[in-house]
Amino acid sequence: MIHKPPIDELAQKVGSKYALCVVASKRARQIMEQQENHGLTPEFSEKDKPLSQAAQEIYDGKLIATND
């Protein structure tokens, strides 16, 4: 579960909690696929889990939701 950054703040950045779920899950899958494509076994620490990385990217403004 994501505790930092706060879910409500993340939801405001993308428009809704539903959009947050969709955007964060798509990005987390991309992160996992990138690791697998580089021949790495997807083992992540609590801090470095793909969903946590995606949430931090959204919070930092590195990942922006669009209506595609």
PDB file of N, CA and C in Angstrom:
ATOM      1  N   MET A   1       0.846  -1.187   0.000  1.00  0.00           N
ATOM      2  CA  MET A   1       0.000   0.000   0.000  1.00  0.00           C
ATOM      3  C   MET A   1       0.881   1.236   0.000  1.00  0.00           C
ATOM      4  N   ILE A   2       0.434   2.236  -0.689  1.00  0.00           N
ATOM      5  CA  ILE A   2       1.186   3.485  -0.787  1.00  0.00           C
ATOM      6  C   ILE A   2       0.848   4.366   0.411  1.00  0.00           C
ATOM      7  N   HIS A   3       1.884   4.776   1.138  1.00  0.00           N
ATOM      8  CA  HIS A   3       1.683   5.688   2.258  1.00  0.00           C
ATOM      9  C   HIS A   3       2.308   7.049   1.975  1.00  0.00           C
ATOM     10  N   LYS A   4       3.420   7.035   1.280  1.00  0.00           N
ATOM     11  CA  LYS A   4       4.090   8.272   0.908  1.00  0.00           C
ATOM     12  C   LYS A   4       4.375   8.195  -0.575  1.00  0.00           C
ATOM     13  N   PRO A   5       4.035   9.134  -1.340  1.00  0.00           N
ATOM     14  CA  PRO A   5       3.251  10.332  -1.054  1.00  0.00           C
ATOM     15  C   PRO A   5       1.781   9.993  -0.798  1.00  0.00           C
ATOM     16  N   PRO A   6       1.070  10.896  -0.116  1.00  0.00           N
ATOM     17  CA  PRO A   6      -0.335  10.635   0.229  1.00  0.00           C
ATOM     18  C   PRO A   6      -1.217  10.420  -1.007  1.00  0.00           C
ATOM     19  N   ILE A   7      -2.095   9.448  -0.926  1.00  0.00           N
ATOM     20  CA  ILE A   7      -2.960   9.090  -2.056  1.00  0.00           C
ATOM     21  C   ILE A   7      -3.853  10.252  -2.476  1.00  0.00           C
ATOM     22  N   ASP A   8      -4.368  11.012  -1.519  1.00  0.00           N
ATOM     23  CA  ASP A   8      -5.237  12.135  -1.877  1.00  0.00           C
ATOM     24  C   ASP A   8      -4.498  13.181  -2.707  1.00  0.00           C
ATOM     25  N   GLU A   9      -3.237  13.435  -2.370  1.00  0.00           N
ATOM     26  CA  GLU A   9      -2.454  14.394  -3.149  1.00  0.00           C
ATOM     27  C   GLU A   9      -2.166  13.853  -4.551  1.00  0.00           C
ATOM     28  N   LEU A  10      -1.887  12.563  -4.642  1.00  0.00           N
ATOM     29  CA  LEU A  10      -1.655  11.951  -5.949  1.00  0.00           C
ATOM     30  C   LEU A  10      -2.913  12.011  -6.808  1.00  0.00           C
ATOM     31  N   ALA A  11      -4.066  11.723  -6.201  1.00  0.00           N
ATOM     32  CA  ALA A  11      -5.331  11.748  -6.934  1.00  0.00           C
ATOM     33  C   ALA A  11      -5.620  13.146  -7.472  1.00  0.00           C
ATOM     34  N   GLN A  12      -5.275  14.169  -6.715  1.00  0.00           N
ATOM     35  CA  GLN A  12      -5.486  15.540  -7.186  1.00  0.00           C
ATOM     36  C   GLN A  12      -4.613  15.839  -8.404  1.00  0.00           C
ATOM     37  N   LYS A  13      -3.426  15.268  -8.443  1.00  0.00           N
ATOM     38  CA  LYS A  13      -2.517  15.529  -9.563  1.00  0.00           C
ATOM     39  C   LYS A  13      -3.006  14.910 -10.871  1.00  0.00           C
ATOM     40  N   VAL A  14      -3.735  13.771 -10.782  1.00  0.00           N
ATOM     41  CA  VAL A  14      -4.203  13.117 -12.009  1.00  0.00           C
ATOM     42  C   VAL A  14      -5.699  13.282 -12.238  1.00  0.00           C
ATOM     43  N   GLY A  15      -6.425  13.807 -11.273  1.00  0.00           N
ATOM     44  CA  GLY A  15      -7.839  14.100 -11.485  1.00  0.00           C
ATOM     45  C   GLY A  15      -8.798  13.306 -10.630  1.00  0.00           C
ATOM     46  N   SER A  16      -8.483  12.055 -10.325  1.00  0.00           N
ATOM     47  CA  SER A  16      -9.368  11.241  -9.491  1.00  0.00           C
ATOM     48  C   SER A  16      -8.614  10.016  -8.997  1.00  0.00           C
ATOM     49  N   LYS A  17      -9.180   9.338  -8.026  1.00  0.00           N
ATOM     50  CA  LYS A  17      -8.561   8.114  -7.520  1.00  0.00           C
ATOM     51  C   LYS A  17      -8.598   7.015  -8.577  1.00  0.00           C
ATOM     52  N   TYR A  18      -9.632   7.007  -9.399  1.00  0.00           N
ATOM     53  CA  TYR A  18      -9.712   6.020 -10.477  1.00  0.00           C
ATOM     54  C   TYR A  18      -8.577   6.241 -11.475  1.00  0.00           C
ATOM     55  N   ALA A  19      -8.393   7.485 -11.896  1.00  0.00           N
ATOM     56  CA  ALA A  19      -7.319   7.801 -12.841  1.00  0.00           C
ATOM     57  C   ALA A  19      -5.960   7.480 -12.225  1.00  0.00           C
ATOM     58  N   LEU A  20      -5.798   7.742 -10.944  1.00  0.00           N
ATOM     59  CA  LEU A  20      -4.555   7.417 -10.253  1.00  0.00           C
ATOM     60  C   LEU A  20      -4.271   5.928 -10.330  1.00  0.00           C
ATOM     61  N   CYS A  21      -5.278   5.126 -10.097  1.00  0.00           N
ATOM     62  CA  CYS A  21      -5.133   3.674 -10.149  1.00  0.00           C
ATOM     63  C   CYS A  21      -4.689   3.228 -11.536  1.00  0.00           C
ATOM     64  N   VAL A  22      -5.317   3.755 -12.556  1.00  0.00           N
ATOM     65  CA  VAL A  22      -5.008   3.368 -13.929  1.00  0.00           C
ATOM     66  C   VAL A  22      -3.592   3.802 -14.316  1.00  0.00           C
ATOM     67  N   VAL A  23      -3.262   5.061 -14.055  1.00  0.00           N
ATOM     68  CA  VAL A  23      -1.957   5.595 -14.444  1.00  0.00           C
ATOM     69  C   VAL A  23      -0.830   4.898 -13.681  1.00  0.00           C
ATOM     70  N   ALA A  24      -0.991   4.756 -12.379  1.00  0.00           N
ATOM     71  CA  ALA A  24       0.061   4.141 -11.565  1.00  0.00           C
ATOM     72  C   ALA A  24       0.257   2.668 -11.923  1.00  0.00           C
ATOM     73  N   SER A  25      -0.830   1.959 -12.181  1.00  0.00           N
ATOM     74  CA  SER A  25      -0.681   0.541 -12.516  1.00  0.00           C
ATOM     75  C   SER A  25      -0.028   0.349 -13.881  1.00  0.00           C
ATOM     76  N   LYS A  26      -0.374   1.198 -14.852  1.00  0.00           N
ATOM     77  CA  LYS A  26       0.267   1.106 -16.169  1.00  0.00           C
ATOM     78  C   LYS A  26       1.760   1.389 -16.066  1.00  0.00           C
ATOM     79  N   ARG A  27       2.114   2.405 -15.298  1.00  0.00           N
ATOM     80  CA  ARG A  27       3.532   2.742 -15.143  1.00  0.00           C
ATOM     81  C   ARG A  27       4.277   1.644 -14.390  1.00  0.00           C
ATOM     82  N   ALA A  28       3.651   1.074 -13.368  1.00  0.00           N
ATOM     83  CA  ALA A  28       4.288  -0.009 -12.615  1.00  0.00           C
ATOM     84  C   ALA A  28       4.559  -1.203 -13.525  1.00  0.00           C
ATOM     85  N   ARG A  29       3.611  -1.524 -14.406  1.00  0.00           N
ATOM     86  CA  ARG A  29       3.825  -2.616 -15.361  1.00  0.00           C
ATOM     87  C   ARG A  29       4.985  -2.303 -16.306  1.00  0.00           C
ATOM     88  N   GLN A  30       5.082  -1.049 -16.740  1.00  0.00           N
ATOM     89  CA  GLN A  30       6.189  -0.653 -17.606  1.00  0.00           C
ATOM     90  C   GLN A  30       7.530  -0.839 -16.895  1.00  0.00           C
ATOM     91  N   ILE A  31       7.585  -0.454 -15.643  1.00  0.00           N
ATOM     92  CA  ILE A  31       8.818  -0.588 -14.861  1.00  0.00           C
ATOM     93  C   ILE A  31       9.213  -2.057 -14.754  1.00  0.00           C
ATOM     94  N   MET A  32       8.248  -2.923 -14.486  1.00  0.00           N
ATOM     95  CA  MET A  32       8.532  -4.353 -14.367  1.00  0.00           C
ATOM     96  C   MET A  32       8.996  -4.923 -15.703  1.00  0.00           C
ATOM     97  N   GLU A  33       8.345  -4.515 -16.792  1.00  0.00           N
ATOM     98  CA  GLU A  33       8.733  -5.000 -18.120  1.00  0.00           C
ATOM     99  C   GLU A  33      10.139  -4.533 -18.493  1.00  0.00           C
ATOM    100  N   GLN A  34      10.483  -3.308 -18.137  1.00  0.00           N
ATOM    101  CA  GLN A  34      11.822  -2.794 -18.423  1.00  0.00           C
ATOM    102  C   GLN A  34      12.871  -3.625 -17.698  1.00  0.00           C
ATOM    103  N   GLN A  35      12.603  -3.967 -16.453  1.00  0.00           N
ATOM    104  CA  GLN A  35      13.552  -4.782 -15.690  1.00  0.00           C
ATOM    105  C   GLN A  35      13.702  -6.159 -16.317  1.00  0.00           C
ATOM    106  N   GLU A  36      12.580  -6.756 -16.714  1.00  0.00           N
ATOM    107  CA  GLU A  36      12.618  -8.084 -17.324  1.00  0.00           C
ATOM    108  C   GLU A  36      13.340  -8.052 -18.669  1.00  0.00           C
ATOM    109  N   ASN A  37      13.144  -6.987 -19.443  1.00  0.00           N
ATOM    110  CA  ASN A  37      13.801  -6.862 -20.743  1.00  0.00           C
ATOM    111  C   ASN A  37      15.316  -6.695 -20.620  1.00  0.00           C
ATOM    112  N   HIS A  38      15.753  -6.194 -19.471  1.00  0.00           N
ATOM    113  CA  HIS A  38      17.187  -6.052 -19.231  1.00  0.00           C
ATOM    114  C   HIS A  38      17.768  -7.294 -18.561  1.00  0.00           C
ATOM    115  N   GLY A  39      16.974  -8.353 -18.479  1.00  0.00           N
ATOM    116  CA  GLY A  39      17.446  -9.611 -17.915  1.00  0.00           C
ATOM    117  C   GLY A  39      17.517  -9.631 -16.413  1.00  0.00           C
ATOM    118  N   LEU A  40      16.868  -8.680 -15.766  1.00  0.00           N
ATOM    119  CA  LEU A  40      16.887  -8.619 -14.309  1.00  0.00           C
ATOM    120  C   LEU A  40      15.681  -9.358 -13.739  1.00  0.00           C
ATOM    121  N   THR A  41      15.898 -10.035 -12.636  1.00  0.00           N
ATOM    122  CA  THR A  41      14.798 -10.685 -11.940  1.00  0.00           C
ATOM    123  C   THR A  41      14.057  -9.611 -11.155  1.00  0.00           C
ATOM    124  N   PRO A  42      12.760  -9.495 -11.355  1.00  0.00           N
ATOM    125  CA  PRO A  42      12.017  -8.428 -10.665  1.00  0.00           C
ATOM    126  C   PRO A  42      11.864  -8.698  -9.166  1.00  0.00           C
ATOM    127  N   GLU A  43      12.911  -8.379  -8.409  1.00  0.00           N
ATOM    128  CA  GLU A  43      12.855  -8.428  -6.949  1.00  0.00           C
ATOM    129  C   GLU A  43      13.056  -7.006  -6.459  1.00  0.00           C
ATOM    130  N   PHE A  44      12.111  -6.519  -5.703  1.00  0.00           N
ATOM    131  CA  PHE A  44      12.140  -5.125  -5.296  1.00  0.00           C
ATOM    132  C   PHE A  44      12.068  -5.030  -3.780  1.00  0.00           C
ATOM    133  N   SER A  45      12.761  -4.029  -3.226  1.00  0.00           N
ATOM    134  CA  SER A  45      12.627  -3.752  -1.807  1.00  0.00           C
ATOM    135  C   SER A  45      11.305  -3.007  -1.603  1.00  0.00           C
ATOM    136  N   GLU A  46      10.931  -2.829  -0.374  1.00  0.00           N
ATOM    137  CA  GLU A  46       9.672  -2.137  -0.060  1.00  0.00           C
ATOM    138  C   GLU A  46       9.651  -0.740  -0.668  1.00  0.00           C
ATOM    139  N   LYS A  47      10.776  -0.056  -0.627  1.00  0.00           N
ATOM    140  CA  LYS A  47      10.862   1.310  -1.131  1.00  0.00           C
ATOM    141  C   LYS A  47      10.876   1.351  -2.657  1.00  0.00           C
ATOM    142  N   ASP A  48      11.439   0.331  -3.268  1.00  0.00           N
ATOM    143  CA  ASP A  48      11.635   0.347  -4.708  1.00  0.00           C
ATOM    144  C   ASP A  48      10.632  -0.481  -5.490  1.00  0.00           C
ATOM    145  N   LYS A  49       9.507  -0.810  -4.918  1.00  0.00           N
ATOM    146  CA  LYS A  49       8.504  -1.567  -5.650  1.00  0.00           C
ATOM    147  C   LYS A  49       7.986  -0.707  -6.806  1.00  0.00           C
ATOM    148  N   PRO A  50       7.629  -1.352  -7.910  1.00  0.00           N
ATOM    149  CA  PRO A  50       7.193  -0.594  -9.088  1.00  0.00           C
ATOM    150  C   PRO A  50       6.041   0.377  -8.816  1.00  0.00           C
ATOM    151  N   LEU A  51       5.080  -0.026  -8.021  1.00  0.00           N
ATOM    152  CA  LEU A  51       3.965   0.871  -7.730  1.00  0.00           C
ATOM    153  C   LEU A  51       4.422   2.074  -6.913  1.00  0.00           C
ATOM    154  N   SER A  52       5.340   1.867  -5.991  1.00  0.00           N
ATOM    155  CA  SER A  52       5.884   2.981  -5.211  1.00  0.00           C
ATOM    156  C   SER A  52       6.679   3.919  -6.105  1.00  0.00           C
ATOM    157  N   GLN A  53       7.440   3.357  -7.042  1.00  0.00           N
ATOM    158  CA  GLN A  53       8.194   4.182  -7.990  1.00  0.00           C
ATOM    159  C   GLN A  53       7.246   5.007  -8.854  1.00  0.00           C
ATOM    160  N   ALA A  54       6.179   4.383  -9.322  1.00  0.00           N
ATOM    161  CA  ALA A  54       5.197   5.090 -10.153  1.00  0.00           C
ATOM    162  C   ALA A  54       4.539   6.216  -9.367  1.00  0.00           C
ATOM    163  N   ALA A  55       4.178   5.942  -8.129  1.00  0.00           N
ATOM    164  CA  ALA A  55       3.549   6.966  -7.288  1.00  0.00           C
ATOM    165  C   ALA A  55       4.486   8.145  -7.078  1.00  0.00           C
ATOM    166  N   GLN A  56       5.758   7.867  -6.851  1.00  0.00           N
ATOM    167  CA  GLN A  56       6.720   8.946  -6.648  1.00  0.00           C
ATOM    168  C   GLN A  56       6.910   9.754  -7.926  1.00  0.00           C
ATOM    169  N   GLU A  57       6.904   9.095  -9.077  1.00  0.00           N
ATOM    170  CA  GLU A  57       7.010   9.803 -10.352  1.00  0.00           C
ATOM    171  C   GLU A  57       5.820  10.726 -10.565  1.00  0.00           C
ATOM    172  N   ILE A  58       4.632  10.270 -10.215  1.00  0.00           N
ATOM    173  CA  ILE A  58       3.434  11.113 -10.327  1.00  0.00           C
ATOM    174  C   ILE A  58       3.562  12.311  -9.395  1.00  0.00           C
ATOM    175  N   TYR A  59       3.970  12.055  -8.172  1.00  0.00           N
ATOM    176  CA  TYR A  59       4.095  13.116  -7.165  1.00  0.00           C
ATOM    177  C   TYR A  59       5.129  14.157  -7.591  1.00  0.00           C
ATOM    178  N   ASP A  60       6.241  13.693  -8.177  1.00  0.00           N
ATOM    179  CA  ASP A  60       7.315  14.601  -8.591  1.00  0.00           C
ATOM    180  C   ASP A  60       7.016  15.326  -9.901  1.00  0.00           C
ATOM    181  N   GLY A  61       5.918  14.957 -10.560  1.00  0.00           N
ATOM    182  CA  GLY A  61       5.560  15.595 -11.821  1.00  0.00           C
ATOM    183  C   GLY A  61       6.282  15.008 -13.013  1.00  0.00           C
ATOM    184  N   LYS A  62       6.963  13.874 -12.826  1.00  0.00           N
ATOM    185  CA  LYS A  62       7.668  13.216 -13.925  1.00  0.00           C
ATOM    186  C   LYS A  62       6.720  12.410 -14.800  1.00  0.00           C
ATOM    187  N   LEU A  63       5.563  12.075 -14.274  1.00  0.00           N
ATOM    188  CA  LEU A  63       4.570  11.287 -14.977  1.00  0.00           C
ATOM    189  C   LEU A  63       3.269  12.068 -14.968  1.00  0.00           C
ATOM    190  N   ILE A  64       2.743  12.325 -16.139  1.00  0.00           N
ATOM    191  CA  ILE A  64       1.547  13.154 -16.262  1.00  0.00           C
ATOM    192  C   ILE A  64       0.453  12.355 -16.968  1.00  0.00           C
ATOM    193  N   ALA A  65      -0.747  12.395 -16.421  1.00  0.00           N
ATOM    194  CA  ALA A  65      -1.886  11.659 -16.987  1.00  0.00           C
ATOM    195  C   ALA A  65      -2.482  12.483 -18.136  1.00  0.00           C
ATOM    196  N   THR A  66      -2.810  11.786 -19.231  1.00  0.00           N
ATOM    197  CA  THR A  66      -3.476  12.420 -20.360  1.00  0.00           C
ATOM    198  C   THR A  66      -4.767  11.652 -20.649  1.00  0.00           C
ATOM    199  N   ASN A  67      -5.642  12.227 -21.421  1.00  0.00           N
ATOM    200  CA  ASN A  67      -6.905  11.595 -21.766  1.00  0.00           C
ATOM    201  C   ASN A  67      -6.800  10.900 -23.115  1.00  0.00           C
ATOM    202  N   ASP A  68      -5.985   9.886 -23.208  1.00  0.00           N
ATOM    203  CA  ASP A  68      -5.819   9.139 -24.452  1.00  0.00           C
ATOM    204  C   ASP A  68      -6.650   7.885 -24.442  1.00  0.00           C
TER     205      ASP A  68
END
